[in-house]
Amino acid sequence: MKNNIKNLFAACVLTPPNTFKSFVEYIICNINKSVIPLIISLAVTMFVWGIIQYLVGANEEAKRQKGKDFMLWGIIGLAVMISVWGLVRVFGGTFGVQNVIPQVQNTSI
């Protein structure tokens, strides 16, 4: 179990020999561990904030519309992220770069 958790939080390392492929894997690792979770959390937060605004502003049409807009943009953000993951997987498969898509790791005993 400790190995799984350790691998989950392991830093991205540029391994020798420093080839273009290892550099691309290093960049992808950094994106997978920092940028993608941030963008997904922002999209989910926008969606939840839209739900809250929609429910709180039930009496005012302007607040309800603002809530709908936030929910819509949250869903669009999540859809874009899924589409980008698909494109990254296609490009990774084309150029032979492994582990380009974030993987869910089983941390159970």
N, C-alpha and C. Protein backbone atom coordinates (compact mmCIF):
# COMPACT_ATOMS: atom_id res chain seq x y z
N MET A 1 0.82 -1.18 0.00
CA MET A 1 0.00 0.00 0.00
C MET A 1 0.87 1.25 0.00
N LYS A 2 1.96 1.24 0.76
CA LYS A 2 2.83 2.40 0.81
C LYS A 2 3.47 2.68 -0.54
N ASN A 3 3.80 1.62 -1.31
CA ASN A 3 4.37 1.82 -2.64
C ASN A 3 3.40 2.50 -3.58
N ASN A 4 2.12 2.12 -3.51
CA ASN A 4 1.12 2.75 -4.37
C ASN A 4 0.96 4.22 -4.05
N ILE A 5 0.92 4.56 -2.78
CA ILE A 5 0.79 5.95 -2.37
C ILE A 5 2.05 6.72 -2.73
N LYS A 6 3.19 6.08 -2.54
CA LYS A 6 4.46 6.72 -2.89
C LYS A 6 4.51 7.02 -4.39
N ASN A 7 4.09 6.09 -5.23
CA ASN A 7 4.08 6.30 -6.67
C ASN A 7 3.08 7.38 -7.08
N LEU A 8 1.99 7.47 -6.34
CA LEU A 8 0.97 8.46 -6.66
C LEU A 8 1.49 9.88 -6.48
N PHE A 9 2.30 10.09 -5.44
CA PHE A 9 2.83 11.41 -5.15
C PHE A 9 4.29 11.58 -5.56
N ALA A 10 4.82 10.65 -6.33
CA ALA A 10 6.21 10.74 -6.76
C ALA A 10 6.38 11.89 -7.74
N ALA A 11 7.52 12.54 -7.64
CA ALA A 11 7.81 13.67 -8.53
C ALA A 11 8.19 13.15 -9.91
N CYS A 12 7.96 13.97 -10.89
CA CYS A 12 8.34 13.64 -12.26
C CYS A 12 9.85 13.84 -12.39
N VAL A 13 10.52 12.87 -12.99
CA VAL A 13 11.97 12.93 -13.11
C VAL A 13 12.35 12.74 -14.57
N LEU A 14 13.25 13.58 -15.03
CA LEU A 14 13.80 13.44 -16.38
C LEU A 14 14.93 12.43 -16.31
N THR A 15 14.69 11.24 -16.86
CA THR A 15 15.64 10.15 -16.72
C THR A 15 16.63 10.13 -17.88
N PRO A 16 17.90 9.87 -17.58
CA PRO A 16 18.89 9.76 -18.65
C PRO A 16 18.68 8.46 -19.41
N PRO A 17 19.01 8.30 -20.63
CA PRO A 17 19.59 9.34 -21.48
C PRO A 17 18.53 10.36 -21.86
N ASN A 18 18.93 11.61 -21.90
CA ASN A 18 17.99 12.70 -22.20
C ASN A 18 17.68 12.73 -23.69
N THR A 19 16.64 12.00 -24.05
CA THR A 19 16.19 11.99 -25.43
C THR A 19 14.91 12.81 -25.53
N PHE A 20 14.49 13.03 -26.75
CA PHE A 20 13.25 13.78 -26.96
C PHE A 20 12.07 13.05 -26.32
N LYS A 21 12.06 11.73 -26.45
CA LYS A 21 10.98 10.93 -25.88
C LYS A 21 10.93 11.07 -24.36
N SER A 22 12.09 11.02 -23.69
CA SER A 22 12.09 11.16 -22.23
C SER A 22 11.68 12.56 -21.82
N PHE A 23 12.04 13.57 -22.62
CA PHE A 23 11.63 14.94 -22.33
C PHE A 23 10.12 15.09 -22.46
N VAL A 24 9.53 14.50 -23.50
CA VAL A 24 8.08 14.56 -23.69
C VAL A 24 7.37 13.84 -22.55
N GLU A 25 7.89 12.69 -22.13
CA GLU A 25 7.29 11.97 -21.01
C GLU A 25 7.37 12.78 -19.72
N TYR A 26 8.47 13.51 -19.54
CA TYR A 26 8.64 14.36 -18.36
C TYR A 26 7.61 15.49 -18.37
N ILE A 27 7.43 16.14 -19.50
CA ILE A 27 6.44 17.22 -19.63
C ILE A 27 5.04 16.68 -19.39
N ILE A 28 4.72 15.54 -19.98
CA ILE A 28 3.39 14.94 -19.82
C ILE A 28 3.15 14.56 -18.36
N CYS A 29 4.16 14.04 -17.71
CA CYS A 29 4.03 13.69 -16.28
C CYS A 29 3.70 14.93 -15.46
N ASN A 30 4.40 16.03 -15.72
CA ASN A 30 4.12 17.27 -14.98
C ASN A 30 2.72 17.78 -15.25
N ILE A 31 2.28 17.70 -16.48
CA ILE A 31 0.92 18.13 -16.82
C ILE A 31 -0.11 17.25 -16.12
N ASN A 32 0.11 15.94 -16.15
CA ASN A 32 -0.83 14.99 -15.53
C ASN A 32 -0.93 15.18 -14.02
N LYS A 33 0.16 15.57 -13.38
CA LYS A 33 0.15 15.66 -11.92
C LYS A 33 -0.21 17.04 -11.40
N SER A 34 -0.23 18.06 -12.25
CA SER A 34 -0.52 19.40 -11.73
C SER A 34 -1.61 20.12 -12.51
N VAL A 35 -1.46 20.24 -13.81
CA VAL A 35 -2.37 21.07 -14.59
C VAL A 35 -3.75 20.43 -14.74
N ILE A 36 -3.79 19.17 -15.10
CA ILE A 36 -5.08 18.51 -15.35
C ILE A 36 -5.94 18.46 -14.08
N PRO A 37 -5.41 18.06 -12.93
CA PRO A 37 -6.27 18.09 -11.73
C PRO A 37 -6.77 19.49 -11.39
N LEU A 38 -5.96 20.50 -11.62
CA LEU A 38 -6.38 21.87 -11.36
C LEU A 38 -7.54 22.28 -12.27
N ILE A 39 -7.43 21.98 -13.55
CA ILE A 39 -8.48 22.37 -14.49
C ILE A 39 -9.76 21.59 -14.22
N ILE A 40 -9.65 20.32 -13.91
CA ILE A 40 -10.85 19.53 -13.60
C ILE A 40 -11.52 20.04 -12.34
N SER A 41 -10.73 20.37 -11.32
CA SER A 41 -11.34 20.88 -10.10
C SER A 41 -12.00 22.23 -10.32
N LEU A 42 -11.43 23.06 -11.19
CA LEU A 42 -12.08 24.33 -11.53
C LEU A 42 -13.41 24.11 -12.25
N ALA A 43 -13.45 23.16 -13.18
CA ALA A 43 -14.69 22.89 -13.91
C ALA A 43 -15.76 22.35 -12.98
N VAL A 44 -15.40 21.45 -12.09
CA VAL A 44 -16.37 20.89 -11.14
C VAL A 44 -16.84 21.98 -10.17
N THR A 45 -15.92 22.84 -9.74
CA THR A 45 -16.29 23.94 -8.85
C THR A 45 -17.26 24.89 -9.53
N MET A 46 -17.01 25.20 -10.81
CA MET A 46 -17.94 26.06 -11.54
C MET A 46 -19.32 25.44 -11.62
N PHE A 47 -19.37 24.14 -11.88
CA PHE A 47 -20.66 23.45 -11.98
C PHE A 47 -21.39 23.50 -10.65
N VAL A 48 -20.70 23.18 -9.57
CA VAL A 48 -21.33 23.18 -8.24
C VAL A 48 -21.76 24.60 -7.86
N TRP A 49 -20.92 25.60 -8.17
CA TRP A 49 -21.27 26.99 -7.88
C TRP A 49 -22.52 27.40 -8.66
N GLY A 50 -22.64 26.92 -9.88
CA GLY A 50 -23.84 27.19 -10.67
C GLY A 50 -25.08 26.58 -10.05
N ILE A 51 -24.96 25.37 -9.53
CA ILE A 51 -26.10 24.73 -8.86
C ILE A 51 -26.50 25.55 -7.64
N ILE A 52 -25.52 25.99 -6.86
CA ILE A 52 -25.81 26.78 -5.66
C ILE A 52 -26.50 28.08 -6.04
N GLN A 53 -25.99 28.77 -7.05
CA GLN A 53 -26.60 30.03 -7.48
C GLN A 53 -28.02 29.80 -8.01
N TYR A 54 -28.22 28.71 -8.71
CA TYR A 54 -29.53 28.40 -9.26
C TYR A 54 -30.53 28.16 -8.13
N LEU A 55 -30.12 27.42 -7.11
CA LEU A 55 -31.02 27.11 -6.01
C LEU A 55 -31.27 28.30 -5.10
N VAL A 56 -30.23 29.09 -4.83
CA VAL A 56 -30.37 30.25 -3.95
C VAL A 56 -31.20 31.33 -4.63
N GLY A 57 -30.99 31.52 -5.92
CA GLY A 57 -31.70 32.58 -6.63
C GLY A 57 -32.97 32.09 -7.29
N ALA A 58 -33.71 31.22 -6.64
CA ALA A 58 -34.91 30.64 -7.24
C ALA A 58 -35.98 31.69 -7.52
N ASN A 59 -35.98 32.79 -6.76
CA ASN A 59 -37.01 33.82 -6.95
C ASN A 59 -36.66 34.82 -8.04
N GLU A 60 -35.38 34.98 -8.35
CA GLU A 60 -34.95 35.97 -9.33
C GLU A 60 -34.46 35.28 -10.60
N GLU A 61 -35.04 35.65 -11.72
CA GLU A 61 -34.69 35.02 -12.99
C GLU A 61 -33.24 35.31 -13.39
N ALA A 62 -32.72 36.50 -13.08
CA ALA A 62 -31.34 36.84 -13.44
C ALA A 62 -30.34 35.93 -12.71
N LYS A 63 -30.59 35.67 -11.44
CA LYS A 63 -29.70 34.79 -10.67
C LYS A 63 -29.80 33.34 -11.16
N ARG A 64 -31.01 32.94 -11.50
CA ARG A 64 -31.17 31.58 -12.03
C ARG A 64 -30.44 31.42 -13.35
N GLN A 65 -30.52 32.44 -14.20
CA GLN A 65 -29.83 32.37 -15.49
C GLN A 65 -28.31 32.35 -15.29
N LYS A 66 -27.82 33.12 -14.33
CA LYS A 66 -26.40 33.12 -14.03
C LYS A 66 -25.96 31.74 -13.54
N GLY A 67 -26.78 31.11 -12.71
CA GLY A 67 -26.49 29.75 -12.25
C GLY A 67 -26.47 28.76 -13.39
N LYS A 68 -27.43 28.89 -14.32
CA LYS A 68 -27.46 28.01 -15.49
C LYS A 68 -26.20 28.18 -16.33
N ASP A 69 -25.77 29.44 -16.48
CA ASP A 69 -24.56 29.71 -17.26
C ASP A 69 -23.33 29.06 -16.63
N PHE A 70 -23.21 29.15 -15.31
CA PHE A 70 -22.08 28.52 -14.63
C PHE A 70 -22.12 27.01 -14.79
N MET A 71 -23.31 26.42 -14.68
CA MET A 71 -23.43 24.98 -14.85
C MET A 71 -23.04 24.57 -16.27
N LEU A 72 -23.50 25.35 -17.25
CA LEU A 72 -23.19 25.06 -18.65
C LEU A 72 -21.68 25.12 -18.90
N TRP A 73 -21.02 26.17 -18.40
CA TRP A 73 -19.59 26.31 -18.62
C TRP A 73 -18.80 25.25 -17.86
N GLY A 74 -19.29 24.81 -16.74
CA GLY A 74 -18.64 23.71 -16.02
C GLY A 74 -18.70 22.41 -16.82
N ILE A 75 -19.86 22.14 -17.40
CA ILE A 75 -20.02 20.94 -18.22
C ILE A 75 -19.16 21.04 -19.48
N ILE A 76 -19.12 22.21 -20.09
CA ILE A 76 -18.29 22.40 -21.29
C ILE A 76 -16.81 22.19 -20.93
N GLY A 77 -16.39 22.71 -19.78
CA GLY A 77 -15.00 22.52 -19.36
C GLY A 77 -14.65 21.05 -19.17
N LEU A 78 -15.55 20.29 -18.56
CA LEU A 78 -15.31 18.86 -18.38
C LEU A 78 -15.28 18.13 -19.72
N ALA A 79 -16.17 18.51 -20.63
CA ALA A 79 -16.19 17.88 -21.96
C ALA A 79 -14.91 18.18 -22.72
N VAL A 80 -14.42 19.40 -22.61
CA VAL A 80 -13.17 19.75 -23.27
C VAL A 80 -12.02 18.93 -22.70
N MET A 81 -11.99 18.76 -21.39
CA MET A 81 -10.92 17.97 -20.77
C MET A 81 -10.94 16.52 -21.26
N ILE A 82 -12.12 15.94 -21.36
CA ILE A 82 -12.22 14.56 -21.86
C ILE A 82 -11.76 14.49 -23.31
N SER A 83 -12.10 15.49 -24.10
CA SER A 83 -11.67 15.53 -25.50
C SER A 83 -10.16 15.67 -25.60
N VAL A 84 -9.58 16.52 -24.77
CA VAL A 84 -8.12 16.70 -24.78
C VAL A 84 -7.43 15.39 -24.39
N TRP A 85 -7.96 14.68 -23.39
CA TRP A 85 -7.38 13.40 -23.02
C TRP A 85 -7.39 12.43 -24.20
N GLY A 86 -8.48 12.43 -24.96
CA GLY A 86 -8.55 11.57 -26.13
C GLY A 86 -7.49 11.93 -27.16
N LEU A 87 -7.32 13.21 -27.42
CA LEU A 87 -6.29 13.64 -28.37
C LEU A 87 -4.89 13.31 -27.88
N VAL A 88 -4.64 13.50 -26.61
CA VAL A 88 -3.32 13.19 -26.05
C VAL A 88 -3.05 11.69 -26.18
N ARG A 89 -4.06 10.89 -25.96
CA ARG A 89 -3.87 9.44 -26.10
C ARG A 89 -3.56 9.05 -27.55
N VAL A 90 -4.24 9.68 -28.50
CA VAL A 90 -3.97 9.40 -29.92
C VAL A 90 -2.54 9.81 -30.26
N PHE A 91 -2.14 11.01 -29.88
CA PHE A 91 -0.78 11.46 -30.17
C PHE A 91 0.26 10.62 -29.45
N GLY A 92 -0.02 10.25 -28.20
CA GLY A 92 0.91 9.40 -27.46
C GLY A 92 1.07 8.05 -28.12
N GLY A 93 -0.02 7.47 -28.60
CA GLY A 93 0.07 6.20 -29.29
C GLY A 93 0.79 6.32 -30.62
N THR A 94 0.62 7.45 -31.29
CA THR A 94 1.28 7.66 -32.57
C THR A 94 2.78 7.77 -32.41
N PHE A 95 3.22 8.49 -31.39
CA PHE A 95 4.65 8.73 -31.21
C PHE A 95 5.30 7.76 -30.22
N GLY A 96 4.54 6.81 -29.69
CA GLY A 96 5.10 5.79 -28.82
C GLY A 96 5.39 6.24 -27.40
N VAL A 97 4.73 7.29 -26.95
CA VAL A 97 4.92 7.77 -25.58
C VAL A 97 3.90 7.05 -24.70
N GLN A 98 4.39 6.42 -23.63
CA GLN A 98 3.51 5.65 -22.75
C GLN A 98 3.00 6.50 -21.60
N ASN A 99 1.90 6.05 -21.01
CA ASN A 99 1.31 6.66 -19.82
C ASN A 99 0.99 8.13 -20.01
N VAL A 100 0.33 8.45 -21.08
CA VAL A 100 -0.02 9.84 -21.33
C VAL A 100 -1.34 10.22 -20.69
N ILE A 101 -2.14 9.25 -20.32
CA ILE A 101 -3.42 9.51 -19.69
C ILE A 101 -3.28 9.22 -18.19
N PRO A 102 -3.78 10.13 -17.34
CA PRO A 102 -3.70 9.85 -15.90
C PRO A 102 -4.42 8.55 -15.57
N GLN A 103 -3.79 7.73 -14.77
CA GLN A 103 -4.34 6.43 -14.41
C GLN A 103 -4.82 6.46 -12.97
N VAL A 104 -5.95 5.84 -12.70
CA VAL A 104 -6.43 5.69 -11.34
C VAL A 104 -5.72 4.47 -10.76
N GLN A 105 -5.10 4.68 -9.61
CA GLN A 105 -4.35 3.60 -9.00
C GLN A 105 -5.13 3.04 -7.82
N ASN A 106 -5.13 1.72 -7.70
CA ASN A 106 -5.79 1.07 -6.60
C ASN A 106 -4.86 1.10 -5.39
N THR A 107 -5.29 1.82 -4.35
CA THR A 107 -4.46 1.93 -3.16
C THR A 107 -4.96 1.05 -2.02
N SER A 108 -5.86 0.11 -2.32
CA SER A 108 -6.37 -0.78 -1.28
C SER A 108 -5.31 -1.83 -0.95
N ILE A 109 -5.48 -2.43 0.19
CA ILE A 109 -4.50 -3.42 0.68
C ILE A 109 -4.59 -4.68 -0.10
